PDB file of N, CA and C in Angstrom:
ATOM      1  N   MET A   1     -22.243  40.002 -16.161  1.00  0.00           N
ATOM      2  CA  MET A   1     -22.439  39.016 -15.136  1.00  0.00           C
ATOM      3  C   MET A   1     -21.203  38.112 -15.001  1.00  0.00           C
ATOM      4  N   ILE A   2     -20.654  37.696 -16.125  1.00  0.00           N
ATOM      5  CA  ILE A   2     -19.472  36.837 -16.098  1.00  0.00           C
ATOM      6  C   ILE A   2     -18.286  37.580 -15.497  1.00  0.00           C
ATOM      7  N   LYS A   3     -18.139  38.869 -15.815  1.00  0.00           N
ATOM      8  CA  LYS A   3     -17.031  39.659 -15.267  1.00  0.00           C
ATOM      9  C   LYS A   3     -17.145  39.772 -13.753  1.00  0.00           C
ATOM     10  N   ILE A   4     -18.357  39.943 -13.254  1.00  0.00           N
ATOM     11  CA  ILE A   4     -18.550  40.042 -11.809  1.00  0.00           C
ATOM     12  C   ILE A   4     -18.202  38.717 -11.137  1.00  0.00           C
ATOM     13  N   ALA A   5     -18.638  37.612 -11.724  1.00  0.00           N
ATOM     14  CA  ALA A   5     -18.317  36.289 -11.173  1.00  0.00           C
ATOM     15  C   ALA A   5     -16.817  36.044 -11.189  1.00  0.00           C
ATOM     16  N   ALA A   6     -16.141  36.422 -12.274  1.00  0.00           N
ATOM     17  CA  ALA A   6     -14.691  36.240 -12.375  1.00  0.00           C
ATOM     18  C   ALA A   6     -13.975  37.086 -11.331  1.00  0.00           C
ATOM     19  N   ALA A   7     -14.418  38.320 -11.135  1.00  0.00           N
ATOM     20  CA  ALA A   7     -13.796  39.185 -10.128  1.00  0.00           C
ATOM     21  C   ALA A   7     -13.980  38.596  -8.734  1.00  0.00           C
ATOM     22  N   GLY A   8     -15.157  38.047  -8.458  1.00  0.00           N
ATOM     23  CA  GLY A   8     -15.398  37.415  -7.165  1.00  0.00           C
ATOM     24  C   GLY A   8     -14.515  36.208  -6.947  1.00  0.00           C
ATOM     25  N   LEU A   9     -14.341  35.401  -7.989  1.00  0.00           N
ATOM     26  CA  LEU A   9     -13.490  34.215  -7.897  1.00  0.00           C
ATOM     27  C   LEU A   9     -12.042  34.616  -7.655  1.00  0.00           C
ATOM     28  N   LEU A  10     -11.553  35.632  -8.361  1.00  0.00           N
ATOM     29  CA  LEU A  10     -10.185  36.094  -8.154  1.00  0.00           C
ATOM     30  C   LEU A  10      -9.985  36.602  -6.734  1.00  0.00           C
ATOM     31  N   THR A  11     -10.974  37.261  -6.193  1.00  0.00           N
ATOM     32  CA  THR A  11     -10.880  37.740  -4.811  1.00  0.00           C
ATOM     33  C   THR A  11     -10.766  36.564  -3.854  1.00  0.00           C
ATOM     34  N   LEU A  12     -11.569  35.534  -4.042  1.00  0.00           N
ATOM     35  CA  LEU A  12     -11.511  34.356  -3.175  1.00  0.00           C
ATOM     36  C   LEU A  12     -10.175  33.645  -3.281  1.00  0.00           C
ATOM     37  N   ILE A  13      -9.622  33.568  -4.474  1.00  0.00           N
ATOM     38  CA  ILE A  13      -8.337  32.912  -4.673  1.00  0.00           C
ATOM     39  C   ILE A  13      -7.229  33.685  -3.975  1.00  0.00           C
ATOM     40  N   ALA A  14      -7.297  35.006  -3.988  1.00  0.00           N
ATOM     41  CA  ALA A  14      -6.239  35.843  -3.417  1.00  0.00           C
ATOM     42  C   ALA A  14      -6.309  35.922  -1.902  1.00  0.00           C
ATOM     43  N   LEU A  15      -7.413  35.546  -1.274  1.00  0.00           N
ATOM     44  CA  LEU A  15      -7.559  35.684   0.167  1.00  0.00           C
ATOM     45  C   LEU A  15      -6.481  34.976   0.977  1.00  0.00           C
ATOM     46  N   PRO A  16      -6.086  33.729   0.670  1.00  0.00           N
ATOM     47  CA  PRO A  16      -5.038  33.099   1.477  1.00  0.00           C
ATOM     48  C   PRO A  16      -3.738  33.890   1.477  1.00  0.00           C
ATOM     49  N   ALA A  17      -3.339  34.441   0.329  1.00  0.00           N
ATOM     50  CA  ALA A  17      -2.105  35.223   0.261  1.00  0.00           C
ATOM     51  C   ALA A  17      -2.247  36.509   1.059  1.00  0.00           C
ATOM     52  N   LEU A  18      -3.416  37.158   0.987  1.00  0.00           N
ATOM     53  CA  LEU A  18      -3.635  38.370   1.760  1.00  0.00           C
ATOM     54  C   LEU A  18      -3.609  38.068   3.243  1.00  0.00           C
ATOM     55  N   ALA A  19      -4.191  36.958   3.633  1.00  0.00           N
ATOM     56  CA  ALA A  19      -4.208  36.585   5.038  1.00  0.00           C
ATOM     57  C   ALA A  19      -2.792  36.357   5.549  1.00  0.00           C
ATOM     58  N   GLN A  20      -1.939  35.752   4.732  1.00  0.00           N
ATOM     59  CA  GLN A  20      -0.564  35.507   5.154  1.00  0.00           C
ATOM     60  C   GLN A  20       0.188  36.814   5.356  1.00  0.00           C
ATOM     61  N   SER A  21      -0.052  37.799   4.505  1.00  0.00           N
ATOM     62  CA  SER A  21       0.708  39.026   4.599  1.00  0.00           C
ATOM     63  C   SER A  21       0.249  39.909   5.744  1.00  0.00           C
ATOM     64  N   ASN A  22      -1.007  39.762   6.214  1.00  0.00           N
ATOM     65  CA  ASN A  22      -1.545  40.636   7.239  1.00  0.00           C
ATOM     66  C   ASN A  22      -1.645  39.982   8.609  1.00  0.00           C
ATOM     67  N   ALA A  23      -1.417  38.700   8.725  1.00  0.00           N
ATOM     68  CA  ALA A  23      -1.599  37.986   9.986  1.00  0.00           C
ATOM     69  C   ALA A  23      -0.243  37.667  10.604  1.00  0.00           C
ATOM     70  N   GLN A  24      -0.262  36.678  11.473  1.00  0.00           N
ATOM     71  CA  GLN A  24       0.968  36.198  12.089  1.00  0.00           C
ATOM     72  C   GLN A  24       1.901  35.660  11.007  1.00  0.00           C
ATOM     73  N   PRO A  25       3.200  35.587  11.305  1.00  0.00           N
ATOM     74  CA  PRO A  25       4.108  35.003  10.309  1.00  0.00           C
ATOM     75  C   PRO A  25       3.702  33.571   9.966  1.00  0.00           C
ATOM     76  N   TYR A  26       3.911  33.205   8.721  1.00  0.00           N
ATOM     77  CA  TYR A  26       3.642  31.845   8.267  1.00  0.00           C
ATOM     78  C   TYR A  26       4.840  30.998   8.655  1.00  0.00           C
ATOM     79  N   ARG A  27       4.591  29.814   9.186  1.00  0.00           N
ATOM     80  CA  ARG A  27       5.685  28.941   9.615  1.00  0.00           C
ATOM     81  C   ARG A  27       5.550  27.565   8.969  1.00  0.00           C
ATOM     82  N   ALA A  28       6.705  27.017   8.621  1.00  0.00           N
ATOM     83  CA  ALA A  28       6.763  25.673   8.048  1.00  0.00           C
ATOM     84  C   ALA A  28       7.982  24.974   8.627  1.00  0.00           C
ATOM     85  N   LEU A  29       7.957  23.643   8.569  1.00  0.00           N
ATOM     86  CA  LEU A  29       9.107  22.874   9.051  1.00  0.00           C
ATOM     87  C   LEU A  29       9.219  21.583   8.275  1.00  0.00           C
ATOM     88  N   GLY A  30      10.410  21.048   8.298  1.00  0.00           N
ATOM     89  CA  GLY A  30      10.670  19.790   7.621  1.00  0.00           C
ATOM     90  C   GLY A  30      11.536  18.893   8.475  1.00  0.00           C
ATOM     91  N   THR A  31      11.502  17.604   8.157  1.00  0.00           N
ATOM     92  CA  THR A  31      12.326  16.627   8.866  1.00  0.00           C
ATOM     93  C   THR A  31      13.158  15.867   7.840  1.00  0.00           C
ATOM     94  N   GLU A  32      14.266  15.355   8.310  1.00  0.00           N
ATOM     95  CA  GLU A  32      15.182  14.546   7.478  1.00  0.00           C
ATOM     96  C   GLU A  32      15.561  15.240   6.180  1.00  0.00           C
ATOM     97  N   PRO A  33      16.295  16.290   6.180  1.00  0.00           N
ATOM     98  CA  PRO A  33      16.888  16.971   7.329  1.00  0.00           C
ATOM     99  C   PRO A  33      15.912  17.952   7.971  1.00  0.00           C
ATOM    100  N   PHE A  34      16.183  18.288   9.234  1.00  0.00           N
ATOM    101  CA  PHE A  34      15.348  19.245   9.941  1.00  0.00           C
ATOM    102  C   PHE A  34      15.602  20.657   9.430  1.00  0.00           C
ATOM    103  N   TRP A  35      14.529  21.395   9.227  1.00  0.00           N
ATOM    104  CA  TRP A  35      14.630  22.794   8.820  1.00  0.00           C
ATOM    105  C   TRP A  35      13.365  23.531   9.250  1.00  0.00           C
ATOM    106  N   ALA A  36      13.465  24.866   9.288  1.00  0.00           N
ATOM    107  CA  ALA A  36      12.324  25.714   9.632  1.00  0.00           C
ATOM    108  C   ALA A  36      12.290  26.879   8.647  1.00  0.00           C
ATOM    109  N   LEU A  37      11.085  27.358   8.364  1.00  0.00           N
ATOM    110  CA  LEU A  37      10.888  28.469   7.437  1.00  0.00           C
ATOM    111  C   LEU A  37       9.864  29.414   8.044  1.00  0.00           C
ATOM    112  N   THR A  38      10.131  30.704   7.952  1.00  0.00           N
ATOM    113  CA  THR A  38       9.197  31.723   8.407  1.00  0.00           C
ATOM    114  C   THR A  38       9.019  32.743   7.292  1.00  0.00           C
ATOM    115  N   ILE A  39       7.766  33.081   7.002  1.00  0.00           N
ATOM    116  CA  ILE A  39       7.462  34.125   6.030  1.00  0.00           C
ATOM    117  C   ILE A  39       6.667  35.190   6.770  1.00  0.00           C
ATOM    118  N   ASP A  40       7.222  36.407   6.831  1.00  0.00           N
ATOM    119  CA  ASP A  40       6.468  37.502   7.436  1.00  0.00           C
ATOM    120  C   ASP A  40       6.196  38.554   6.362  1.00  0.00           C
ATOM    121  N   GLY A  41       5.795  39.726   6.748  1.00  0.00           N
ATOM    122  CA  GLY A  41       5.424  40.752   5.786  1.00  0.00           C
ATOM    123  C   GLY A  41       6.545  41.229   4.888  1.00  0.00           C
ATOM    124  N   SER A  42       7.813  41.010   5.283  1.00  0.00           N
ATOM    125  CA  SER A  42       8.926  41.524   4.476  1.00  0.00           C
ATOM    126  C   SER A  42      10.036  40.521   4.194  1.00  0.00           C
ATOM    127  N   THR A  43      10.039  39.370   4.873  1.00  0.00           N
ATOM    128  CA  THR A  43      11.187  38.461   4.789  1.00  0.00           C
ATOM    129  C   THR A  43      10.753  37.000   4.722  1.00  0.00           C
ATOM    130  N   ILE A  44      11.535  36.214   3.977  1.00  0.00           N
ATOM    131  CA  ILE A  44      11.452  34.755   4.046  1.00  0.00           C
ATOM    132  C   ILE A  44      12.758  34.308   4.693  1.00  0.00           C
ATOM    133  N   ARG A  45      12.644  33.529   5.758  1.00  0.00           N
ATOM    134  CA  ARG A  45      13.832  33.093   6.499  1.00  0.00           C
ATOM    135  C   ARG A  45      13.832  31.570   6.575  1.00  0.00           C
ATOM    136  N   TYR A  46      14.873  30.968   6.005  1.00  0.00           N
ATOM    137  CA  TYR A  46      15.053  29.517   6.021  1.00  0.00           C
ATOM    138  C   TYR A  46      16.183  29.206   6.995  1.00  0.00           C
ATOM    139  N   GLN A  47      15.930  28.269   7.914  1.00  0.00           N
ATOM    140  CA  GLN A  47      16.948  27.908   8.893  1.00  0.00           C
ATOM    141  C   GLN A  47      17.095  26.397   8.980  1.00  0.00           C
ATOM    142  N   PRO A  48      18.196  25.861   8.454  1.00  0.00           N
ATOM    143  CA  PRO A  48      18.443  24.423   8.603  1.00  0.00           C
ATOM    144  C   PRO A  48      18.981  24.141  10.000  1.00  0.00           C
ATOM    145  N   ALA A  49      18.766  22.934  10.489  1.00  0.00           N
ATOM    146  CA  ALA A  49      19.315  22.557  11.795  1.00  0.00           C
ATOM    147  C   ALA A  49      20.834  22.566  11.708  1.00  0.00           C
ATOM    148  N   GLY A  50      21.451  23.377  12.520  1.00  0.00           N
ATOM    149  CA  GLY A  50      22.902  23.423  12.571  1.00  0.00           C
ATOM    150  C   GLY A  50      23.561  24.015  11.336  1.00  0.00           C
ATOM    151  N   GLY A  51      22.805  24.711  10.516  1.00  0.00           N
ATOM    152  CA  GLY A  51      23.382  25.281   9.299  1.00  0.00           C
ATOM    153  C   GLY A  51      23.236  26.785   9.245  1.00  0.00           C
ATOM    154  N   ARG A  52      23.581  27.328   8.118  1.00  0.00           N
ATOM    155  CA  ARG A  52      23.553  28.769   7.907  1.00  0.00           C
ATOM    156  C   ARG A  52      22.148  29.233   7.514  1.00  0.00           C
ATOM    157  N   VAL A  53      21.675  30.275   8.170  1.00  0.00           N
ATOM    158  CA  VAL A  53      20.368  30.862   7.894  1.00  0.00           C
ATOM    159  C   VAL A  53      20.405  31.598   6.560  1.00  0.00           C
ATOM    160  N   VAL A  54      19.360  31.411   5.762  1.00  0.00           N
ATOM    161  CA  VAL A  54      19.203  32.152   4.510  1.00  0.00           C
ATOM    162  C   VAL A  54      17.981  33.040   4.671  1.00  0.00           C
ATOM    163  N   SER A  55      18.181  34.341   4.513  1.00  0.00           N
ATOM    164  CA  SER A  55      17.099  35.298   4.660  1.00  0.00           C
ATOM    165  C   SER A  55      17.034  36.151   3.394  1.00  0.00           C
ATOM    166  N   VAL A  56      15.845  36.243   2.806  1.00  0.00           N
ATOM    167  CA  VAL A  56      15.664  37.017   1.570  1.00  0.00           C
ATOM    168  C   VAL A  56      14.426  37.908   1.709  1.00  0.00           C
ATOM    169  N   ALA A  57      14.403  38.957   0.906  1.00  0.00           N
ATOM    170  CA  ALA A  57      13.224  39.821   0.877  1.00  0.00           C
ATOM    171  C   ALA A  57      12.041  39.024   0.338  1.00  0.00           C
ATOM    172  N   ARG A  58      10.897  39.181   0.961  1.00  0.00           N
ATOM    173  CA  ARG A  58       9.687  38.464   0.546  1.00  0.00           C
ATOM    174  C   ARG A  58       9.099  39.121  -0.689  1.00  0.00           C
ATOM    175  N   PRO A  59       9.047  38.362  -1.794  1.00  0.00           N
ATOM    176  CA  PRO A  59       8.411  38.910  -2.993  1.00  0.00           C
ATOM    177  C   PRO A  59       6.895  38.778  -2.895  1.00  0.00           C
ATOM    178  N   ARG A  60       6.206  39.400  -3.796  1.00  0.00           N
ATOM    179  CA  ARG A  60       4.753  39.214  -3.883  1.00  0.00           C
ATOM    180  C   ARG A  60       4.518  37.765  -4.306  1.00  0.00           C
ATOM    181  N   PRO A  61       3.596  37.069  -3.650  1.00  0.00           N
ATOM    182  CA  PRO A  61       3.366  35.668  -4.010  1.00  0.00           C
ATOM    183  C   PRO A  61       2.661  35.534  -5.358  1.00  0.00           C
ATOM    184  N   ILE A  62       2.967  34.455  -6.037  1.00  0.00           N
ATOM    185  CA  ILE A  62       2.217  34.060  -7.227  1.00  0.00           C
ATOM    186  C   ILE A  62       1.101  33.171  -6.697  1.00  0.00           C
ATOM    187  N   VAL A  63      -0.131  33.617  -6.862  1.00  0.00           N
ATOM    188  CA  VAL A  63      -1.275  32.915  -6.287  1.00  0.00           C
ATOM    189  C   VAL A  63      -1.873  31.987  -7.332  1.00  0.00           C
ATOM    190  N   GLY A  64      -1.970  30.704  -6.978  1.00  0.00           N
ATOM    191  CA  GLY A  64      -2.573  29.707  -7.854  1.00  0.00           C
ATOM    192  C   GLY A  64      -3.889  29.230  -7.276  1.00  0.00           C
ATOM    193  N   PHE A  65      -4.491  28.291  -7.935  1.00  0.00           N
ATOM    194  CA  PHE A  65      -5.785  27.788  -7.476  1.00  0.00           C
ATOM    195  C   PHE A  65      -5.677  26.965  -6.197  1.00  0.00           C
ATOM    196  N   ASN A  66      -4.482  26.459  -5.867  1.00  0.00           N
ATOM    197  CA  ASN A  66      -4.351  25.624  -4.671  1.00  0.00           C
ATOM    198  C   ASN A  66      -3.221  26.064  -3.743  1.00  0.00           C
ATOM    199  N   GLY A  67      -2.721  27.283  -3.909  1.00  0.00           N
ATOM    200  CA  GLY A  67      -1.659  27.732  -3.019  1.00  0.00           C
ATOM    201  C   GLY A  67      -0.929  28.949  -3.531  1.00  0.00           C
ATOM    202  N   GLU A  68       0.249  29.164  -2.953  1.00  0.00           N
ATOM    203  CA  GLU A  68       1.076  30.311  -3.309  1.00  0.00           C
ATOM    204  C   GLU A  68       2.494  29.852  -3.610  1.00  0.00           C
ATOM    205  N   ARG A  69       3.176  30.669  -4.402  1.00  0.00           N
ATOM    206  CA  ARG A  69       4.578  30.414  -4.734  1.00  0.00           C
ATOM    207  C   ARG A  69       5.339  31.716  -4.555  1.00  0.00           C
ATOM    208  N   TYR A  70       6.472  31.614  -3.846  1.00  0.00           N
ATOM    209  CA  TYR A  70       7.365  32.750  -3.665  1.00  0.00           C
ATOM    210  C   TYR A  70       8.664  32.421  -4.390  1.00  0.00           C
ATOM    211  N   VAL A  71       9.056  33.256  -5.327  1.00  0.00           N
ATOM    212  CA  VAL A  71      10.246  32.997  -6.120  1.00  0.00           C
ATOM    213  C   VAL A  71      11.243  34.140  -5.917  1.00  0.00           C
ATOM    214  N   THR A  72      12.450  33.787  -5.466  1.00  0.00           N
ATOM    215  CA  THR A  72      13.540  34.754  -5.353  1.00  0.00           C
ATOM    216  C   THR A  72      14.756  34.174  -6.076  1.00  0.00           C
ATOM    217  N   ARG A  73      15.816  34.939  -6.158  1.00  0.00           N
ATOM    218  CA  ARG A  73      17.025  34.441  -6.826  1.00  0.00           C
ATOM    219  C   ARG A  73      17.644  33.277  -6.066  1.00  0.00           C
ATOM    220  N   ARG A  74      17.509  33.269  -4.744  1.00  0.00           N
ATOM    221  CA  ARG A  74      18.164  32.243  -3.924  1.00  0.00           C
ATOM    222  C   ARG A  74      17.282  31.056  -3.592  1.00  0.00           C
ATOM    223  N   MET A  75      15.959  31.285  -3.519  1.00  0.00           N
ATOM    224  CA  MET A  75      15.091  30.168  -3.132  1.00  0.00           C
ATOM    225  C   MET A  75      13.687  30.339  -3.706  1.00  0.00           C
ATOM    226  N   THR A  76      13.009  29.201  -3.803  1.00  0.00           N
ATOM    227  CA  THR A  76      11.606  29.171  -4.196  1.00  0.00           C
ATOM    228  C   THR A  76      10.847  28.413  -3.115  1.00  0.00           C
ATOM    229  N   VAL A  77       9.707  28.957  -2.709  1.00  0.00           N
ATOM    230  CA  VAL A  77       8.867  28.321  -1.707  1.00  0.00           C
ATOM    231  C   VAL A  77       7.494  28.099  -2.318  1.00  0.00           C
ATOM    232  N   ASP A  78       7.063  26.851  -2.350  1.00  0.00           N
ATOM    233  CA  ASP A  78       5.731  26.487  -2.840  1.00  0.00           C
ATOM    234  C   ASP A  78       4.889  26.043  -1.656  1.00  0.00           C
ATOM    235  N   ILE A  79       3.757  26.715  -1.467  1.00  0.00           N
ATOM    236  CA  ILE A  79       2.813  26.359  -0.412  1.00  0.00           C
ATOM    237  C   ILE A  79       1.565  25.835  -1.106  1.00  0.00           C
ATOM    238  N   THR A  80       1.263  24.575  -0.878  1.00  0.00           N
ATOM    239  CA  THR A  80       0.092  23.943  -1.474  1.00  0.00           C
ATOM    240  C   THR A  80      -0.896  23.651  -0.355  1.00  0.00           C
ATOM    241  N   HIS A  81      -2.131  24.093  -0.529  1.00  0.00           N
ATOM    242  CA  HIS A  81      -3.148  23.914   0.506  1.00  0.00           C
ATOM    243  C   HIS A  81      -3.705  22.492   0.461  1.00  0.00           C
ATOM    244  N   VAL A  82      -2.840  21.562   0.890  1.00  0.00           N
ATOM    245  CA  VAL A  82      -3.174  20.145   0.994  1.00  0.00           C
ATOM    246  C   VAL A  82      -2.657  19.697   2.357  1.00  0.00           C
ATOM    247  N   GLU A  83      -3.491  19.015   3.116  1.00  0.00           N
ATOM    248  CA  GLU A  83      -3.129  18.562   4.456  1.00  0.00           C
ATOM    249  C   GLU A  83      -1.810  17.793   4.436  1.00  0.00           C
ATOM    250  N   CYS A  84      -1.025  17.960   5.509  1.00  0.00           N
ATOM    251  CA  CYS A  84       0.319  17.391   5.551  1.00  0.00           C
ATOM    252  C   CYS A  84       0.613  16.872   6.958  1.00  0.00           C
ATOM    253  N   SER A  85       1.303  15.748   7.036  1.00  0.00           N
ATOM    254  CA  SER A  85       1.802  15.217   8.301  1.00  0.00           C
ATOM    255  C   SER A  85       3.323  15.208   8.222  1.00  0.00           C
ATOM    256  N   ASP A  86       3.973  15.610   9.305  1.00  0.00           N
ATOM    257  CA  ASP A  86       5.432  15.688   9.274  1.00  0.00           C
ATOM    258  C   ASP A  86       6.107  14.323   9.355  1.00  0.00           C
ATOM    259  N   GLY A  87       5.353  13.253   9.571  1.00  0.00           N
ATOM    260  CA  GLY A  87       5.921  11.911   9.573  1.00  0.00           C
ATOM    261  C   GLY A  87       6.586  11.514  10.878  1.00  0.00           C
ATOM    262  N   MET A  88       6.746  12.455  11.806  1.00  0.00           N
ATOM    263  CA  MET A  88       7.420  12.137  13.062  1.00  0.00           C
ATOM    264  C   MET A  88       6.512  12.310  14.268  1.00  0.00           C
ATOM    265  N   SER A  89       5.391  12.948  14.073  1.00  0.00           N
ATOM    266  CA  SER A  89       4.456  13.158  15.184  1.00  0.00           C
ATOM    267  C   SER A  89       3.036  12.914  14.667  1.00  0.00           C
ATOM    268  N   ASP A  90       2.091  13.036  15.537  1.00  0.00           N
ATOM    269  CA  ASP A  90       0.699  12.888  15.121  1.00  0.00           C
ATOM    270  C   ASP A  90       0.114  14.215  14.651  1.00  0.00           C
ATOM    271  N   ARG A  91       0.924  15.235  14.567  1.00  0.00           N
ATOM    272  CA  ARG A  91       0.450  16.570  14.204  1.00  0.00           C
ATOM    273  C   ARG A  91       0.148  16.641  12.706  1.00  0.00           C
ATOM    274  N   THR A  92      -0.978  17.270  12.387  1.00  0.00           N
ATOM    275  CA  THR A  92      -1.372  17.489  10.999  1.00  0.00           C
ATOM    276  C   THR A  92      -1.357  18.980  10.728  1.00  0.00           C
ATOM    277  N   PHE A  93      -0.820  19.355   9.587  1.00  0.00           N
ATOM    278  CA  PHE A  93      -0.709  20.755   9.195  1.00  0.00           C
ATOM    279  C   PHE A  93      -1.660  21.040   8.035  1.00  0.00           C
ATOM    280  N   HIS A  94      -1.984  22.295   7.859  1.00  0.00           N
ATOM    281  CA  HIS A  94      -2.919  22.719   6.815  1.00  0.00           C
ATOM    282  C   HIS A  94      -2.300  22.613   5.423  1.00  0.00           C
ATOM    283  N   ASP A  95      -0.980  22.838   5.309  1.00  0.00           N
ATOM    284  CA  ASP A  95      -0.331  22.958   3.997  1.00  0.00           C
ATOM    285  C   ASP A  95       0.847  22.003   3.828  1.00  0.00           C
ATOM    286  N   THR A  96       1.128  21.677   2.572  1.00  0.00           N
ATOM    287  CA  THR A  96       2.345  20.992   2.174  1.00  0.00           C
ATOM    288  C   THR A  96       3.278  22.059   1.610  1.00  0.00           C
ATOM    289  N   VAL A  97       4.534  22.057   2.045  1.00  0.00           N
ATOM    290  CA  VAL A  97       5.475  23.107   1.660  1.00  0.00           C
ATOM    291  C   VAL A  97       6.708  22.474   1.023  1.00  0.00           C
ATOM    292  N   THR A  98       7.144  23.070  -0.097  1.00  0.00           N
ATOM    293  CA  THR A  98       8.368  22.641  -0.770  1.00  0.00           C
ATOM    294  C   THR A  98       9.295  23.848  -0.874  1.00  0.00           C
ATOM    295  N   VAL A  99      10.542  23.672  -0.439  1.00  0.00           N
ATOM    296  CA  VAL A  99      11.549  24.729  -0.510  1.00  0.00           C
ATOM    297  C   VAL A  99      12.654  24.252  -1.444  1.00  0.00           C
ATOM    298  N   THR A 100      12.971  25.060  -2.445  1.00  0.00           N
ATOM    299  CA  THR A 100      14.088  24.761  -3.339  1.00  0.00           C
ATOM    300  C   THR A 100      15.156  25.817  -3.090  1.00  0.00           C
ATOM    301  N   LEU A 101      16.348  25.339  -2.749  1.00  0.00           N
ATOM    302  CA  LEU A 101      17.432  26.227  -2.348  1.00  0.00           C
ATOM    303  C   LEU A 101      18.756  25.610  -2.769  1.00  0.00           C
ATOM    304  N   GLY A 102      19.516  26.321  -3.563  1.00  0.00           N
ATOM    305  CA  GLY A 102      20.836  25.829  -3.971  1.00  0.00           C
ATOM    306  C   GLY A 102      20.787  24.502  -4.695  1.00  0.00           C
ATOM    307  N   GLY A 103      19.786  24.304  -5.545  1.00  0.00           N
ATOM    308  CA  GLY A 103      19.673  23.061  -6.291  1.00  0.00           C
ATOM    309  C   GLY A 103      19.123  21.891  -5.494  1.00  0.00           C
ATOM    310  N   ARG A 104      18.739  22.138  -4.265  1.00  0.00           N
ATOM    311  CA  ARG A 104      18.226  21.099  -3.383  1.00  0.00           C
ATOM    312  C   ARG A 104      16.741  21.358  -3.106  1.00  0.00           C
ATOM    313  N   THR A 105      15.930  20.319  -3.122  1.00  0.00           N
ATOM    314  CA  THR A 105      14.509  20.464  -2.835  1.00  0.00           C
ATOM    315  C   THR A 105      14.182  19.763  -1.522  1.00  0.00           C
ATOM    316  N   LEU A 106      13.531  20.499  -0.629  1.00  0.00           N
ATOM    317  CA  LEU A 106      13.159  19.988   0.691  1.00  0.00           C
ATOM    318  C   LEU A 106      11.649  20.036   0.826  1.00  0.00           C
ATOM    319  N   ARG A 107      11.082  19.032   1.459  1.00  0.00           N
ATOM    320  CA  ARG A 107       9.633  18.972   1.628  1.00  0.00           C
ATOM    321  C   ARG A 107       9.286  18.986   3.105  1.00  0.00           C
ATOM    322  N   GLY A 108       8.175  19.672   3.406  1.00  0.00           N
ATOM    323  CA  GLY A 108       7.734  19.760   4.778  1.00  0.00           C
ATOM    324  C   GLY A 108       6.285  20.189   4.863  1.00  0.00           C
ATOM    325  N   CYS A 109       5.904  20.653   6.039  1.00  0.00           N
ATOM    326  CA  CYS A 109       4.529  21.029   6.318  1.00  0.00           C
ATOM    327  C   CYS A 109       4.488  22.425   6.917  1.00  0.00           C
ATOM    328  N   GLY A 110       3.352  23.095   6.747  1.00  0.00           N
ATOM    329  CA  GLY A 110       3.217  24.436   7.302  1.00  0.00           C
ATOM    330  C   GLY A 110       1.781  24.834   7.500  1.00  0.00           C
ATOM    331  N   GLY A 111       1.624  26.049   7.991  1.00  0.00           N
ATOM    332  CA  GLY A 111       0.291  26.601   8.186  1.00  0.00           C
ATOM    333  C   GLY A 111       0.141  27.183   9.552  1.00  0.00           C
TER     334      GLY A 111
END
């Protein structure tokens, strides 16, 4: 009985990551500085305003109890399922997103 319950819980935890890989691309953005991030079935693409685009192969996400983490040699993306406001508009997003790239950490919203 416990094994069945544990398997069910693991399935529920993995659903957000599965949904991201099979649905529309996941999008996130940040302000101060402005940046955009897209995660699709094969690529993570980070684009700073007026800067050089960084595109890496999308690894399998590490699924946690409150989100997903994508770790590559060049960048790490943490998606936490906590409501987020970009601070510049009245728009509310489903997730809080943190991008670490080149020793720099950027915070934004996504979903």
